[in-house]
Amino acid sequence: MSAYDAGLRARLVAVGVDLVAREGVQALSLREIARQAGVSHGAPRRYFPTHAALLSAIARQGFAALAAAAVAAAAAVADGGGATDGRTAADGGGATDGAAPADGRAAGPRARILALGRVYLGFAAANRGMFELMFRHDLLENGGPGQAPGLRETSLPLFGVLVDLVAEVRPRSDGAPTPEVVAGALWANLHGIAQLWAWGSLQLASGVDDAEPLLRAALDAHLGPERP
């Protein structure tokens, strides 16, 4: 691919990222992306054989941003730095307690999961359009035959981080759910919090104006109560 073609392909993706942030998933038609990129409506087909291929390239940018924020927050907490960037609850505000020991010692896996949860809810609140697109697998490629690598390669590493941390908090035992199952249930819980918070349902039902108690309750439900 020539430098010109690579630049135009990147511009189409960047336009899509901006468009989904401003107007949501419903605005991501091929024609609208091409119009805002300043190219003919048929130009995207030169670089993306299907609409789903272009939407998947856009969604990968969201997964990459989420992964970078989550890994940075978890690393900062693990180092005992008490990360503040990205530790946002679903209202977009930052929580400051419970992330790392006050004396700067490295925090344990549960604190890192808490940090990841804050990042996840904060990302959902700040990037509602992108967050929706990332999980609209009815609109995205699945990496099947003849397709570009699917989103699994972008999204699964972050899930793997969560699985590893869950395994540290809840070592495998006979008859207990695997770390993958526990991590999946916790992820589903966090995703539900993010979505219901965005709709305003949780604020109405729970009477809270900050998602932090809901996040901590989710961790207690799936990992057991935090030990003193």
C-alpha atoms as a PDB file:
ATOM      1  CA  MET A   1       0.000   0.000   0.000  1.00  0.00           C
ATOM      2  CA  SER A   2       1.393   3.393  -0.984  1.00  0.00           C
ATOM      3  CA  ALA A   3       1.917   6.165   1.532  1.00  0.00           C
ATOM      4  CA  TYR A   4      -1.021   8.011  -0.046  1.00  0.00           C
ATOM      5  CA  ASP A   5      -3.314   5.003   0.319  1.00  0.00           C
ATOM      6  CA  ALA A   6      -2.161   4.369   3.883  1.00  0.00           C
ATOM      7  CA  GLY A   7      -2.824   8.010   4.741  1.00  0.00           C
ATOM      8  CA  LEU A   8      -6.299   7.948   3.232  1.00  0.00           C
ATOM      9  CA  ARG A   9      -7.146   4.713   5.003  1.00  0.00           C
ATOM     10  CA  ALA A  10      -6.018   6.197   8.309  1.00  0.00           C
ATOM     11  CA  ARG A  11      -8.037   9.354   7.604  1.00  0.00           C
ATOM     12  CA  LEU A  12     -11.211   7.348   7.027  1.00  0.00           C
ATOM     13  CA  VAL A  13     -10.713   5.604  10.367  1.00  0.00           C
ATOM     14  CA  ALA A  14      -9.941   8.889  12.153  1.00  0.00           C
ATOM     15  CA  VAL A  15     -13.050  10.490  10.686  1.00  0.00           C
ATOM     16  CA  GLY A  16     -15.082   7.541  11.904  1.00  0.00           C
ATOM     17  CA  VAL A  17     -13.629   7.837  15.403  1.00  0.00           C
ATOM     18  CA  ASP A  18     -14.521  11.522  15.517  1.00  0.00           C
ATOM     19  CA  LEU A  19     -17.963  10.927  14.032  1.00  0.00           C
ATOM     20  CA  VAL A  20     -18.954   8.215  16.484  1.00  0.00           C
ATOM     21  CA  ALA A  21     -17.810  10.436  19.353  1.00  0.00           C
ATOM     22  CA  ARG A  22     -19.928  13.355  18.161  1.00  0.00           C
ATOM     23  CA  GLU A  23     -23.006  11.678  16.722  1.00  0.00           C
ATOM     24  CA  GLY A  24     -23.037   8.038  17.772  1.00  0.00           C
ATOM     25  CA  VAL A  25     -23.075   4.711  15.978  1.00  0.00           C
ATOM     26  CA  GLN A  26     -26.075   5.602  13.820  1.00  0.00           C
ATOM     27  CA  ALA A  27     -24.003   8.256  12.015  1.00  0.00           C
ATOM     28  CA  LEU A  28     -21.371   5.808  10.753  1.00  0.00           C
ATOM     29  CA  SER A  29     -22.605   5.249   7.215  1.00  0.00           C
ATOM     30  CA  LEU A  30     -20.028   4.767   4.476  1.00  0.00           C
ATOM     31  CA  ARG A  31     -21.381   7.796   2.644  1.00  0.00           C
ATOM     32  CA  GLU A  32     -21.141  10.092   5.691  1.00  0.00           C
ATOM     33  CA  ILE A  33     -17.633   8.947   6.585  1.00  0.00           C
ATOM     34  CA  ALA A  34     -16.530   9.509   2.974  1.00  0.00           C
ATOM     35  CA  ARG A  35     -18.168  12.935   2.880  1.00  0.00           C
ATOM     36  CA  GLN A  36     -16.454  14.093   6.049  1.00  0.00           C
ATOM     37  CA  ALA A  37     -13.144  12.669   4.842  1.00  0.00           C
ATOM     38  CA  GLY A  38     -13.490  14.673   1.623  1.00  0.00           C
ATOM     39  CA  VAL A  39     -13.498  11.684  -0.734  1.00  0.00           C
ATOM     40  CA  SER A  40     -16.031  10.112  -3.068  1.00  0.00           C
ATOM     41  CA  HIS A  41     -18.648   7.883  -1.477  1.00  0.00           C
ATOM     42  CA  GLY A  42     -17.090   4.865  -3.200  1.00  0.00           C
ATOM     43  CA  ALA A  43     -13.542   5.540  -1.972  1.00  0.00           C
ATOM     44  CA  PRO A  44     -13.819   3.618   1.336  1.00  0.00           C
ATOM     45  CA  ARG A  45     -14.415   0.403  -0.612  1.00  0.00           C
ATOM     46  CA  ARG A  46     -10.844   0.584  -1.919  1.00  0.00           C
ATOM     47  CA  TYR A  47      -9.506   0.080   1.593  1.00  0.00           C
ATOM     48  CA  PHE A  48     -12.365  -1.674   3.392  1.00  0.00           C
ATOM     49  CA  PRO A  49     -14.200  -4.350   1.400  1.00  0.00           C
ATOM     50  CA  THR A  50     -17.270  -4.124   3.621  1.00  0.00           C
ATOM     51  CA  HIS A  51     -18.933  -1.607   5.879  1.00  0.00           C
ATOM     52  CA  ALA A  52     -18.237  -3.971   8.782  1.00  0.00           C
ATOM     53  CA  ALA A  53     -14.526  -3.888   7.977  1.00  0.00           C
ATOM     54  CA  LEU A  54     -14.420  -0.113   8.317  1.00  0.00           C
ATOM     55  CA  LEU A  55     -16.505  -0.139  11.498  1.00  0.00           C
ATOM     56  CA  SER A  56     -14.199  -2.806  12.940  1.00  0.00           C
ATOM     57  CA  ALA A  57     -11.146  -0.651  12.201  1.00  0.00           C
ATOM     58  CA  ILE A  58     -12.843   2.216  14.030  1.00  0.00           C
ATOM     59  CA  ALA A  59     -13.768  -0.015  16.975  1.00  0.00           C
ATOM     60  CA  ARG A  60     -10.164  -1.225  17.255  1.00  0.00           C
ATOM     61  CA  GLN A  61      -9.151   2.336  18.053  1.00  0.00           C
ATOM     62  CA  GLY A  62     -11.570   2.283  20.960  1.00  0.00           C
ATOM     63  CA  PHE A  63     -10.275  -1.036  22.274  1.00  0.00           C
ATOM     64  CA  ALA A  64      -6.706   0.214  21.960  1.00  0.00           C
ATOM     65  CA  ALA A  65      -7.507   3.381  23.923  1.00  0.00           C
ATOM     66  CA  LEU A  66      -9.359   1.434  26.619  1.00  0.00           C
ATOM     67  CA  ALA A  67      -6.543  -1.106  26.931  1.00  0.00           C
ATOM     68  CA  ALA A  68      -3.880   1.585  27.187  1.00  0.00           C
ATOM     69  CA  ALA A  69      -5.780   3.404  29.935  1.00  0.00           C
ATOM     70  CA  ALA A  70      -6.522   0.199  31.835  1.00  0.00           C
ATOM     71  CA  VAL A  71      -2.975  -1.138  31.690  1.00  0.00           C
ATOM     72  CA  ALA A  72      -1.541   2.226  32.758  1.00  0.00           C
ATOM     73  CA  ALA A  73      -3.936   2.513  35.694  1.00  0.00           C
ATOM     74  CA  ALA A  74      -3.346  -1.057  36.847  1.00  0.00           C
ATOM     75  CA  ALA A  75       0.413  -0.662  36.559  1.00  0.00           C
ATOM     76  CA  ALA A  76       0.397   2.565  38.545  1.00  0.00           C
ATOM     77  CA  VAL A  77      -1.651   0.935  41.294  1.00  0.00           C
ATOM     78  CA  ALA A  78       0.560  -2.154  41.288  1.00  0.00           C
ATOM     79  CA  ASP A  79       3.600   0.085  41.733  1.00  0.00           C
ATOM     80  CA  GLY A  80       1.994   1.708  44.750  1.00  0.00           C
ATOM     81  CA  GLY A  81       1.572   5.014  43.005  1.00  0.00           C
ATOM     82  CA  GLY A  82      -2.126   5.363  43.662  1.00  0.00           C
ATOM     83  CA  ALA A  83      -3.075   6.076  40.058  1.00  0.00           C
ATOM     84  CA  THR A  84      -5.394   8.984  39.520  1.00  0.00           C
ATOM     85  CA  ASP A  85      -5.586   9.094  35.717  1.00  0.00           C
ATOM     86  CA  GLY A  86      -8.393   6.970  34.373  1.00  0.00           C
ATOM     87  CA  ARG A  87      -9.755   5.956  37.773  1.00  0.00           C
ATOM     88  CA  THR A  88     -13.137   7.325  36.906  1.00  0.00           C
ATOM     89  CA  ALA A  89     -16.522   6.194  38.071  1.00  0.00           C
ATOM     90  CA  ALA A  90     -19.471   6.182  35.674  1.00  0.00           C
ATOM     91  CA  ASP A  91     -20.204   9.817  36.403  1.00  0.00           C
ATOM     92  CA  GLY A  92     -16.799  10.701  34.962  1.00  0.00           C
ATOM     93  CA  GLY A  93     -15.395  11.701  38.332  1.00  0.00           C
ATOM     94  CA  GLY A  94     -12.300  10.197  39.903  1.00  0.00           C
ATOM     95  CA  ALA A  95     -12.281   8.161  43.084  1.00  0.00           C
ATOM     96  CA  THR A  96      -9.239   8.503  45.244  1.00  0.00           C
ATOM     97  CA  ASP A  97      -9.489   5.819  47.914  1.00  0.00           C
ATOM     98  CA  GLY A  98      -8.862   2.104  47.866  1.00  0.00           C
ATOM     99  CA  ALA A  99      -6.422   2.019  44.956  1.00  0.00           C
ATOM    100  CA  ALA A 100      -3.062   1.601  46.666  1.00  0.00           C
ATOM    101  CA  PRO A 101      -1.632   1.565  50.181  1.00  0.00           C
ATOM    102  CA  ALA A 102      -0.971   5.027  51.527  1.00  0.00           C
ATOM    103  CA  ASP A 103       2.652   4.149  52.266  1.00  0.00           C
ATOM    104  CA  GLY A 104       3.382   3.516  48.591  1.00  0.00           C
ATOM    105  CA  ARG A 105       3.620  -0.287  48.879  1.00  0.00           C
ATOM    106  CA  ALA A 106       2.491  -2.237  45.832  1.00  0.00           C
ATOM    107  CA  ALA A 107      -1.226  -2.961  45.878  1.00  0.00           C
ATOM    108  CA  GLY A 108      -2.697  -6.411  45.475  1.00  0.00           C
ATOM    109  CA  PRO A 109      -4.709  -7.891  42.599  1.00  0.00           C
ATOM    110  CA  ARG A 110      -8.057  -6.815  43.997  1.00  0.00           C
ATOM    111  CA  ALA A 111      -6.973  -3.165  44.014  1.00  0.00           C
ATOM    112  CA  ARG A 112      -5.825  -3.565  40.424  1.00  0.00           C
ATOM    113  CA  ILE A 113      -9.209  -5.009  39.463  1.00  0.00           C
ATOM    114  CA  LEU A 114     -10.842  -2.026  41.161  1.00  0.00           C
ATOM    115  CA  ALA A 115      -8.642   0.279  39.089  1.00  0.00           C
ATOM    116  CA  LEU A 116      -9.582  -1.577  35.900  1.00  0.00           C
ATOM    117  CA  GLY A 117     -13.256  -1.305  36.794  1.00  0.00           C
ATOM    118  CA  ARG A 118     -12.969   2.427  37.320  1.00  0.00           C
ATOM    119  CA  VAL A 119     -11.275   2.817  33.959  1.00  0.00           C
ATOM    120  CA  TYR A 120     -13.940   0.716  32.243  1.00  0.00           C
ATOM    121  CA  LEU A 121     -16.822   2.715  33.703  1.00  0.00           C
ATOM    122  CA  GLY A 122     -15.048   5.999  33.077  1.00  0.00           C
ATOM    123  CA  PHE A 123     -14.339   5.087  29.455  1.00  0.00           C
ATOM    124  CA  ALA A 124     -17.977   4.129  28.936  1.00  0.00           C
ATOM    125  CA  ALA A 125     -19.163   7.442  30.360  1.00  0.00           C
ATOM    126  CA  ALA A 126     -16.721   9.569  28.371  1.00  0.00           C
ATOM    127  CA  ASN A 127     -17.019   7.641  25.083  1.00  0.00           C
ATOM    128  CA  ARG A 128     -20.626   6.534  24.824  1.00  0.00           C
ATOM    129  CA  GLY A 129     -20.715   6.219  21.044  1.00  0.00           C
ATOM    130  CA  MET A 130     -17.438   4.342  20.791  1.00  0.00           C
ATOM    131  CA  PHE A 131     -18.325   2.150  23.763  1.00  0.00           C
ATOM    132  CA  GLU A 132     -21.534   1.082  22.039  1.00  0.00           C
ATOM    133  CA  LEU A 133     -19.769   0.378  18.741  1.00  0.00           C
ATOM    134  CA  MET A 134     -17.066  -1.744  20.383  1.00  0.00           C
ATOM    135  CA  PHE A 135     -19.624  -4.286  21.535  1.00  0.00           C
ATOM    136  CA  ARG A 136     -22.024  -4.181  18.587  1.00  0.00           C
ATOM    137  CA  HIS A 137     -20.794  -7.429  17.103  1.00  0.00           C
ATOM    138  CA  ASP A 138     -23.802  -7.475  14.808  1.00  0.00           C
ATOM    139  CA  LEU A 139     -22.107  -4.563  13.010  1.00  0.00           C
ATOM    140  CA  LEU A 140     -18.490  -5.727  13.207  1.00  0.00           C
ATOM    141  CA  GLU A 141     -16.316  -8.378  11.588  1.00  0.00           C
ATOM    142  CA  ASN A 142     -15.736 -11.581  13.486  1.00  0.00           C
ATOM    143  CA  GLY A 143     -12.420 -12.505  11.878  1.00  0.00           C
ATOM    144  CA  GLY A 144     -13.893 -15.296   9.771  1.00  0.00           C
ATOM    145  CA  PRO A 145     -12.474 -16.667   6.505  1.00  0.00           C
ATOM    146  CA  GLY A 146     -11.524 -13.932   4.065  1.00  0.00           C
ATOM    147  CA  GLN A 147     -11.786 -11.222   6.695  1.00  0.00           C
ATOM    148  CA  ALA A 148      -9.132  -9.151   8.381  1.00  0.00           C
ATOM    149  CA  PRO A 149      -8.165 -10.295  11.888  1.00  0.00           C
ATOM    150  CA  GLY A 150     -11.186  -9.838  14.119  1.00  0.00           C
ATOM    151  CA  LEU A 151     -11.542  -7.782  17.245  1.00  0.00           C
ATOM    152  CA  ARG A 152     -10.569 -10.756  19.398  1.00  0.00           C
ATOM    153  CA  GLU A 153      -6.911  -9.870  18.889  1.00  0.00           C
ATOM    154  CA  THR A 154      -7.569  -6.398  20.285  1.00  0.00           C
ATOM    155  CA  SER A 155     -10.075  -7.104  23.031  1.00  0.00           C
ATOM    156  CA  LEU A 156      -9.016 -10.473  24.465  1.00  0.00           C
ATOM    157  CA  PRO A 157      -5.628  -9.396  25.889  1.00  0.00           C
ATOM    158  CA  LEU A 158      -7.369  -6.992  28.249  1.00  0.00           C
ATOM    159  CA  PHE A 159      -9.797  -9.704  29.289  1.00  0.00           C
ATOM    160  CA  GLY A 160      -6.780 -11.924  29.881  1.00  0.00           C
ATOM    161  CA  VAL A 161      -5.396  -9.366  32.325  1.00  0.00           C
ATOM    162  CA  LEU A 162      -8.673  -9.500  34.248  1.00  0.00           C
ATOM    163  CA  VAL A 163      -8.659 -13.315  34.254  1.00  0.00           C
ATOM    164  CA  ASP A 164      -5.122 -13.386  35.665  1.00  0.00           C
ATOM    165  CA  LEU A 165      -6.007 -10.935  38.417  1.00  0.00           C
ATOM    166  CA  VAL A 166      -9.159 -12.866  39.307  1.00  0.00           C
ATOM    167  CA  ALA A 167      -7.063 -16.039  39.549  1.00  0.00           C
ATOM    168  CA  GLU A 168      -4.812 -14.286  42.073  1.00  0.00           C
ATOM    169  CA  VAL A 169      -7.761 -13.187  44.192  1.00  0.00           C
ATOM    170  CA  ARG A 170      -9.642 -16.482  43.889  1.00  0.00           C
ATOM    171  CA  PRO A 171      -7.241 -19.394  43.399  1.00  0.00           C
ATOM    172  CA  ARG A 172      -8.780 -22.297  41.500  1.00  0.00           C
ATOM    173  CA  SER A 173     -10.429 -24.949  43.667  1.00  0.00           C
ATOM    174  CA  ASP A 174     -12.479 -28.066  42.999  1.00  0.00           C
ATOM    175  CA  GLY A 175     -16.070 -27.306  42.099  1.00  0.00           C
ATOM    176  CA  ALA A 176     -15.550 -23.534  41.917  1.00  0.00           C
ATOM    177  CA  PRO A 177     -16.053 -21.559  38.704  1.00  0.00           C
ATOM    178  CA  THR A 178     -12.892 -21.055  36.678  1.00  0.00           C
ATOM    179  CA  PRO A 179     -11.205 -17.644  36.697  1.00  0.00           C
ATOM    180  CA  GLU A 180     -12.428 -17.187  33.118  1.00  0.00           C
ATOM    181  CA  VAL A 181     -16.032 -17.686  34.192  1.00  0.00           C
ATOM    182  CA  VAL A 182     -15.701 -15.389  37.211  1.00  0.00           C
ATOM    183  CA  ALA A 183     -13.974 -12.726  35.114  1.00  0.00           C
ATOM    184  CA  GLY A 184     -16.688 -13.039  32.463  1.00  0.00           C
ATOM    185  CA  ALA A 185     -19.439 -12.630  35.039  1.00  0.00           C
ATOM    186  CA  LEU A 186     -17.670  -9.632  36.568  1.00  0.00           C
ATOM    187  CA  TRP A 187     -17.199  -8.058  33.133  1.00  0.00           C
ATOM    188  CA  ALA A 188     -20.882  -8.577  32.367  1.00  0.00           C
ATOM    189  CA  ASN A 189     -21.761  -6.937  35.675  1.00  0.00           C
ATOM    190  CA  LEU A 190     -19.516  -3.941  34.955  1.00  0.00           C
ATOM    191  CA  HIS A 191     -20.906  -3.613  31.440  1.00  0.00           C
ATOM    192  CA  GLY A 192     -24.416  -3.635  32.825  1.00  0.00           C
ATOM    193  CA  ILE A 193     -23.510  -0.923  35.325  1.00  0.00           C
ATOM    194  CA  ALA A 194     -22.004   1.173  32.530  1.00  0.00           C
ATOM    195  CA  GLN A 195     -25.016   0.790  30.268  1.00  0.00           C
ATOM    196  CA  LEU A 196     -27.715   1.266  32.897  1.00  0.00           C
ATOM    197  CA  TRP A 197     -25.828   4.264  34.309  1.00  0.00           C
ATOM    198  CA  ALA A 198     -25.717   5.848  30.863  1.00  0.00           C
ATOM    199  CA  TRP A 199     -29.490   5.447  30.572  1.00  0.00           C
ATOM    200  CA  GLY A 200     -30.061   6.907  34.045  1.00  0.00           C
ATOM    201  CA  SER A 201     -31.716   3.731  35.305  1.00  0.00           C
ATOM    202  CA  LEU A 202     -29.289   2.912  38.094  1.00  0.00           C
ATOM    203  CA  GLN A 203     -29.342   6.378  39.585  1.00  0.00           C
ATOM    204  CA  LEU A 204     -33.131   6.177  39.772  1.00  0.00           C
ATOM    205  CA  ALA A 205     -33.248   2.634  41.155  1.00  0.00           C
ATOM    206  CA  SER A 206     -30.325   2.771  43.593  1.00  0.00           C
ATOM    207  CA  GLY A 207     -30.536   6.370  44.726  1.00  0.00           C
ATOM    208  CA  VAL A 208     -26.790   6.874  44.361  1.00  0.00           C
ATOM    209  CA  ASP A 209     -25.147   9.642  42.372  1.00  0.00           C
ATOM    210  CA  ASP A 210     -21.743   7.958  42.066  1.00  0.00           C
ATOM    211  CA  ALA A 211     -21.139   4.503  40.597  1.00  0.00           C
ATOM    212  CA  GLU A 212     -18.287   3.698  42.991  1.00  0.00           C
ATOM    213  CA  PRO A 213     -20.523   1.832  45.504  1.00  0.00           C
ATOM    214  CA  LEU A 214     -21.947  -0.227  42.640  1.00  0.00           C
ATOM    215  CA  LEU A 215     -18.463  -1.062  41.408  1.00  0.00           C
ATOM    216  CA  ARG A 216     -17.350  -2.160  44.855  1.00  0.00           C
ATOM    217  CA  ALA A 217     -20.525  -4.210  45.326  1.00  0.00           C
ATOM    218  CA  ALA A 218     -19.851  -5.975  42.023  1.00  0.00           C
ATOM    219  CA  LEU A 219     -16.359  -6.909  43.186  1.00  0.00           C
ATOM    220  CA  ASP A 220     -17.741  -8.191  46.498  1.00  0.00           C
ATOM    221  CA  ALA A 221     -20.350 -10.261  44.659  1.00  0.00           C
ATOM    222  CA  HIS A 222     -17.875 -11.941  42.336  1.00  0.00           C
ATOM    223  CA  LEU A 223     -14.674 -11.985  44.388  1.00  0.00           C
ATOM    224  CA  GLY A 224     -16.031 -12.130  47.912  1.00  0.00           C
ATOM    225  CA  PRO A 225     -15.888  -9.367  50.524  1.00  0.00           C
ATOM    226  CA  GLU A 226     -12.627  -7.492  50.788  1.00  0.00           C
ATOM    227  CA  ARG A 227     -10.466  -8.622  53.674  1.00  0.00           C
ATOM    228  CA  PRO A 228      -9.217  -6.007  56.140  1.00  0.00           C
END
